[in-house]
Amino acid sequence: MKDFVAIDFETANGQRSSVCSVGIVIVQGGEMVDSFYALIKPMPNYYSWFCQQVHGLGYDDTNDADEFPEVWEQAMKFVKSYFPYIEDGEVPFVAHNAGFDKSCLSAAYATYDLAYPCIPFMDTCSAARRALPGLQDYQLQTVSAACGYDLANHHHALADAEACAWIAREIL
């Protein structure tokens, strides 16, 4: 697979709609060519202690950020500058544990009463289980290391999207 969009969301709390950051990496011809990162004012707008410990973001980081619809519009404009027909399902989004990221996107769309787009998702976690049997686990940092990528800033949405892009280039 040579053309895809790697994506990662971080959430503020246990609600999947509470996306507080997004990282996107554009891969064309097998090369990472560009990236997008944004903070998002989550909905609902509160942070659980656990989520803050995971990614280090909190209320003060995102309270003045744009909400999901504005950030997603910017993100899709960025993606469409590389893949104009992304919503036609021709170019997949790739995520590690894609079910989580897809459910975040779906929940955010539902929260703001937006029509959910037709974007296929591919999962590097599932692919890694098939391509790399015998790893101690299939967490992003473990799989990225097995694929030769040093994930130094795990749980930063852009760093995780970059690791996912690397994994996808190696095993998909």
C-alpha atoms as a PDB file:
ATOM      1  CA  MET A   1       0.000   0.000   0.000  1.00  0.00           C
ATOM      2  CA  LYS A   2       1.560   3.261  -1.131  1.00  0.00           C
ATOM      3  CA  ASP A   3      -1.108   5.952  -0.621  1.00  0.00           C
ATOM      4  CA  PHE A   4      -2.968   6.443   2.639  1.00  0.00           C
ATOM      5  CA  VAL A   5      -3.702   8.772   5.533  1.00  0.00           C
ATOM      6  CA  ALA A   6      -2.425   7.729   8.966  1.00  0.00           C
ATOM      7  CA  ILE A   7      -4.505   9.181  11.782  1.00  0.00           C
ATOM      8  CA  ASP A   8      -4.575   9.208  15.566  1.00  0.00           C
ATOM      9  CA  PHE A   9      -6.939  10.797  18.076  1.00  0.00           C
ATOM     10  CA  GLU A  10      -6.433  11.427  21.767  1.00  0.00           C
ATOM     11  CA  THR A  11      -9.462  11.835  24.032  1.00  0.00           C
ATOM     12  CA  ALA A  12     -10.046  13.953  27.108  1.00  0.00           C
ATOM     13  CA  ASN A  13     -12.184  11.466  29.003  1.00  0.00           C
ATOM     14  CA  GLY A  14     -14.018   8.174  28.598  1.00  0.00           C
ATOM     15  CA  GLN A  15     -16.412   9.601  26.011  1.00  0.00           C
ATOM     16  CA  ARG A  16     -15.290   8.802  22.461  1.00  0.00           C
ATOM     17  CA  SER A  17     -16.626  12.190  21.334  1.00  0.00           C
ATOM     18  CA  SER A  18     -14.109  13.958  23.588  1.00  0.00           C
ATOM     19  CA  VAL A  19     -11.346  14.124  20.991  1.00  0.00           C
ATOM     20  CA  CYS A  20      -8.801  16.658  22.229  1.00  0.00           C
ATOM     21  CA  SER A  21      -6.100  16.277  19.585  1.00  0.00           C
ATOM     22  CA  VAL A  22      -5.629  14.792  16.148  1.00  0.00           C
ATOM     23  CA  GLY A  23      -2.514  13.845  14.233  1.00  0.00           C
ATOM     24  CA  ILE A  24      -2.549  13.086  10.521  1.00  0.00           C
ATOM     25  CA  VAL A  25       0.272  11.912   8.256  1.00  0.00           C
ATOM     26  CA  ILE A  26      -0.033  11.867   4.466  1.00  0.00           C
ATOM     27  CA  VAL A  27       1.718   8.968   2.723  1.00  0.00           C
ATOM     28  CA  GLN A  28       2.050   9.125  -1.060  1.00  0.00           C
ATOM     29  CA  GLY A  29       4.073   6.690  -3.103  1.00  0.00           C
ATOM     30  CA  GLY A  30       5.161   5.027   0.125  1.00  0.00           C
ATOM     31  CA  GLU A  31       6.737   8.213   1.501  1.00  0.00           C
ATOM     32  CA  MET A  32       5.563  10.368   4.392  1.00  0.00           C
ATOM     33  CA  VAL A  33       5.124  13.714   2.668  1.00  0.00           C
ATOM     34  CA  ASP A  34       3.278  15.966   5.103  1.00  0.00           C
ATOM     35  CA  SER A  35       1.550  16.109   8.466  1.00  0.00           C
ATOM     36  CA  PHE A  36      -1.194  17.943  10.334  1.00  0.00           C
ATOM     37  CA  TYR A  37      -1.673  18.343  14.077  1.00  0.00           C
ATOM     38  CA  ALA A  38      -4.282  20.238  16.028  1.00  0.00           C
ATOM     39  CA  LEU A  39      -5.632  20.558  19.516  1.00  0.00           C
ATOM     40  CA  ILE A  40      -9.414  20.314  19.801  1.00  0.00           C
ATOM     41  CA  LYS A  41     -11.768  21.632  22.472  1.00  0.00           C
ATOM     42  CA  PRO A  42     -13.355  18.348  23.564  1.00  0.00           C
ATOM     43  CA  MET A  43     -17.038  17.605  23.935  1.00  0.00           C
ATOM     44  CA  PRO A  44     -17.787  17.087  26.757  1.00  0.00           C
ATOM     45  CA  ASN A  45     -15.162  19.566  27.882  1.00  0.00           C
ATOM     46  CA  TYR A  46     -13.542  17.932  30.898  1.00  0.00           C
ATOM     47  CA  TYR A  47     -10.475  15.785  31.410  1.00  0.00           C
ATOM     48  CA  SER A  48     -10.286  12.551  33.358  1.00  0.00           C
ATOM     49  CA  TRP A  49      -7.227  12.035  35.501  1.00  0.00           C
ATOM     50  CA  PHE A  50      -6.381   8.857  33.568  1.00  0.00           C
ATOM     51  CA  CYS A  51      -6.449  10.505  30.141  1.00  0.00           C
ATOM     52  CA  GLN A  52      -4.332  13.390  31.385  1.00  0.00           C
ATOM     53  CA  GLN A  53      -1.759  10.903  32.663  1.00  0.00           C
ATOM     54  CA  VAL A  54      -1.713   9.139  29.292  1.00  0.00           C
ATOM     55  CA  HIS A  55      -1.201  12.101  26.959  1.00  0.00           C
ATOM     56  CA  GLY A  56      -0.420  15.041  29.215  1.00  0.00           C
ATOM     57  CA  LEU A  57      -3.100  17.345  27.837  1.00  0.00           C
ATOM     58  CA  GLY A  58      -5.555  19.171  30.070  1.00  0.00           C
ATOM     59  CA  TYR A  59      -8.307  21.755  30.139  1.00  0.00           C
ATOM     60  CA  ASP A  60      -5.917  24.721  29.871  1.00  0.00           C
ATOM     61  CA  ASP A  61      -4.329  23.236  26.735  1.00  0.00           C
ATOM     62  CA  THR A  62      -7.560  22.958  24.766  1.00  0.00           C
ATOM     63  CA  ASN A  63     -10.152  25.296  26.259  1.00  0.00           C
ATOM     64  CA  ASP A  64      -9.363  28.013  23.702  1.00  0.00           C
ATOM     65  CA  ALA A  65      -8.932  25.552  20.806  1.00  0.00           C
ATOM     66  CA  ASP A  66     -11.470  25.190  18.019  1.00  0.00           C
ATOM     67  CA  GLU A  67     -14.170  22.556  18.399  1.00  0.00           C
ATOM     68  CA  PHE A  68     -14.260  19.391  16.306  1.00  0.00           C
ATOM     69  CA  PRO A  69     -16.224  20.704  13.279  1.00  0.00           C
ATOM     70  CA  GLU A  70     -13.772  23.562  12.666  1.00  0.00           C
ATOM     71  CA  VAL A  71     -10.679  21.416  13.211  1.00  0.00           C
ATOM     72  CA  TRP A  72     -12.033  18.586  11.089  1.00  0.00           C
ATOM     73  CA  GLU A  73     -12.838  21.001   8.279  1.00  0.00           C
ATOM     74  CA  GLN A  74      -9.202  22.191   8.368  1.00  0.00           C
ATOM     75  CA  ALA A  75      -7.952  18.609   8.544  1.00  0.00           C
ATOM     76  CA  MET A  76     -10.042  17.459   5.599  1.00  0.00           C
ATOM     77  CA  LYS A  77      -8.997  20.484   3.559  1.00  0.00           C
ATOM     78  CA  PHE A  78      -5.396  19.474   4.264  1.00  0.00           C
ATOM     79  CA  VAL A  79      -6.038  15.806   3.365  1.00  0.00           C
ATOM     80  CA  LYS A  80      -7.971  16.747   0.208  1.00  0.00           C
ATOM     81  CA  SER A  81      -5.033  18.857  -0.983  1.00  0.00           C
ATOM     82  CA  TYR A  82      -3.261  15.496  -1.443  1.00  0.00           C
ATOM     83  CA  PHE A  83      -6.226  13.184  -2.019  1.00  0.00           C
ATOM     84  CA  PRO A  84      -9.124  15.176  -3.535  1.00  0.00           C
ATOM     85  CA  TYR A  85     -11.458  12.173  -3.527  1.00  0.00           C
ATOM     86  CA  ILE A  86     -10.776  10.931   0.010  1.00  0.00           C
ATOM     87  CA  GLU A  87     -14.488  10.816   0.888  1.00  0.00           C
ATOM     88  CA  ASP A  88     -15.160   8.534  -2.088  1.00  0.00           C
ATOM     89  CA  GLY A  89     -13.380   5.746  -0.223  1.00  0.00           C
ATOM     90  CA  GLU A  90     -10.486   5.510  -2.667  1.00  0.00           C
ATOM     91  CA  VAL A  91      -7.767   6.242  -0.105  1.00  0.00           C
ATOM     92  CA  PRO A  92      -7.973   4.623   3.325  1.00  0.00           C
ATOM     93  CA  PHE A  93      -7.325   6.032   6.747  1.00  0.00           C
ATOM     94  CA  VAL A  94      -4.898   3.855   8.668  1.00  0.00           C
ATOM     95  CA  ALA A  95      -4.807   3.710  12.458  1.00  0.00           C
ATOM     96  CA  HIS A  96      -3.350   1.462  15.118  1.00  0.00           C
ATOM     97  CA  ASN A  97      -6.372  -0.109  16.779  1.00  0.00           C
ATOM     98  CA  ALA A  98      -8.527   1.518  14.120  1.00  0.00           C
ATOM     99  CA  GLY A  99     -11.753   0.633  15.908  1.00  0.00           C
ATOM    100  CA  PHE A 100     -10.933   3.228  18.561  1.00  0.00           C
ATOM    101  CA  ASP A 101     -10.081   6.030  16.132  1.00  0.00           C
ATOM    102  CA  LYS A 102     -13.031   5.244  13.871  1.00  0.00           C
ATOM    103  CA  SER A 103     -15.371   5.265  16.884  1.00  0.00           C
ATOM    104  CA  CYS A 104     -13.939   8.625  18.003  1.00  0.00           C
ATOM    105  CA  LEU A 105     -14.578  10.073  14.556  1.00  0.00           C
ATOM    106  CA  SER A 106     -18.080   8.625  14.459  1.00  0.00           C
ATOM    107  CA  ALA A 107     -18.918   9.882  17.956  1.00  0.00           C
ATOM    108  CA  ALA A 108     -17.623  13.372  17.188  1.00  0.00           C
ATOM    109  CA  TYR A 109     -19.688  13.465  13.990  1.00  0.00           C
ATOM    110  CA  ALA A 110     -22.784  12.345  15.930  1.00  0.00           C
ATOM    111  CA  THR A 111     -22.193  14.880  18.721  1.00  0.00           C
ATOM    112  CA  TYR A 112     -22.228  17.721  16.221  1.00  0.00           C
ATOM    113  CA  ASP A 113     -25.009  16.174  14.097  1.00  0.00           C
ATOM    114  CA  LEU A 114     -22.795  15.866  11.012  1.00  0.00           C
ATOM    115  CA  ALA A 115     -23.224  13.327   8.217  1.00  0.00           C
ATOM    116  CA  TYR A 116     -20.548  10.641   8.641  1.00  0.00           C
ATOM    117  CA  PRO A 117     -18.290  10.310   5.561  1.00  0.00           C
ATOM    118  CA  CYS A 118     -17.539   7.121   3.651  1.00  0.00           C
ATOM    119  CA  ILE A 119     -13.887   6.641   4.601  1.00  0.00           C
ATOM    120  CA  PRO A 120     -12.476   3.125   4.877  1.00  0.00           C
ATOM    121  CA  PHE A 121     -10.191   2.346   7.815  1.00  0.00           C
ATOM    122  CA  MET A 122      -7.353  -0.156   7.924  1.00  0.00           C
ATOM    123  CA  ASP A 123      -5.915  -1.383  11.208  1.00  0.00           C
ATOM    124  CA  THR A 124      -2.162  -1.764  11.720  1.00  0.00           C
ATOM    125  CA  CYS A 125      -2.718  -3.598  15.027  1.00  0.00           C
ATOM    126  CA  SER A 126      -4.642  -6.424  13.307  1.00  0.00           C
ATOM    127  CA  ALA A 127      -2.154  -6.445  10.442  1.00  0.00           C
ATOM    128  CA  ALA A 128       0.744  -6.675  12.905  1.00  0.00           C
ATOM    129  CA  ARG A 129      -0.811  -9.705  14.604  1.00  0.00           C
ATOM    130  CA  ARG A 130      -0.740 -11.476  11.229  1.00  0.00           C
ATOM    131  CA  ALA A 131       2.589 -10.146   9.933  1.00  0.00           C
ATOM    132  CA  LEU A 132       4.600 -10.197  13.169  1.00  0.00           C
ATOM    133  CA  PRO A 133       3.562 -13.272  15.170  1.00  0.00           C
ATOM    134  CA  GLY A 134       5.193 -13.745  18.529  1.00  0.00           C
ATOM    135  CA  LEU A 135       5.563 -10.163  19.715  1.00  0.00           C
ATOM    136  CA  GLN A 136       5.143  -9.730  23.475  1.00  0.00           C
ATOM    137  CA  ASP A 137       2.134  -7.494  22.753  1.00  0.00           C
ATOM    138  CA  TYR A 138       0.748  -5.482  19.861  1.00  0.00           C
ATOM    139  CA  GLN A 139       0.712  -2.037  21.411  1.00  0.00           C
ATOM    140  CA  LEU A 140       1.813   0.784  19.136  1.00  0.00           C
ATOM    141  CA  GLN A 141       5.231   1.243  20.724  1.00  0.00           C
ATOM    142  CA  THR A 142       6.000  -2.491  20.545  1.00  0.00           C
ATOM    143  CA  VAL A 143       4.951  -2.874  16.920  1.00  0.00           C
ATOM    144  CA  SER A 144       6.673   0.332  15.824  1.00  0.00           C
ATOM    145  CA  ALA A 145       9.924  -0.858  17.465  1.00  0.00           C
ATOM    146  CA  ALA A 146       9.596  -4.240  15.704  1.00  0.00           C
ATOM    147  CA  CYS A 147       9.245  -2.319  12.427  1.00  0.00           C
ATOM    148  CA  GLY A 148      12.351  -0.203  13.115  1.00  0.00           C
ATOM    149  CA  TYR A 149      10.666   3.000  14.281  1.00  0.00           C
ATOM    150  CA  ASP A 150      11.540   4.715  17.569  1.00  0.00           C
ATOM    151  CA  LEU A 151       8.302   6.085  19.019  1.00  0.00           C
ATOM    152  CA  ALA A 152       9.797   8.651  21.382  1.00  0.00           C
ATOM    153  CA  ASN A 153       6.647  10.643  22.206  1.00  0.00           C
ATOM    154  CA  HIS A 154       3.950   7.979  22.567  1.00  0.00           C
ATOM    155  CA  HIS A 155       0.399   9.317  23.041  1.00  0.00           C
ATOM    156  CA  HIS A 156       1.092  12.560  21.213  1.00  0.00           C
ATOM    157  CA  ALA A 157      -1.402  12.280  18.354  1.00  0.00           C
ATOM    158  CA  LEU A 158       1.070  13.273  15.630  1.00  0.00           C
ATOM    159  CA  ALA A 159       3.851  11.017  16.942  1.00  0.00           C
ATOM    160  CA  ASP A 160       1.412   8.106  17.080  1.00  0.00           C
ATOM    161  CA  ALA A 161       0.168   8.845  13.538  1.00  0.00           C
ATOM    162  CA  GLU A 162       3.790   8.891  12.311  1.00  0.00           C
ATOM    163  CA  ALA A 163       4.479   5.540  13.988  1.00  0.00           C
ATOM    164  CA  CYS A 164       1.307   4.134  12.444  1.00  0.00           C
ATOM    165  CA  ALA A 165       2.365   5.390   8.998  1.00  0.00           C
ATOM    166  CA  TRP A 166       5.755   3.717   9.432  1.00  0.00           C
ATOM    167  CA  ILE A 167       4.158   0.426  10.465  1.00  0.00           C
ATOM    168  CA  ALA A 168       1.695   0.548   7.562  1.00  0.00           C
ATOM    169  CA  ARG A 169       4.531   1.127   5.073  1.00  0.00           C
ATOM    170  CA  GLU A 170       6.350  -1.899   6.504  1.00  0.00           C
ATOM    171  CA  ILE A 171       3.563  -4.468   6.809  1.00  0.00           C
ATOM    172  CA  LEU A 172       0.531  -3.482   4.714  1.00  0.00           C
END
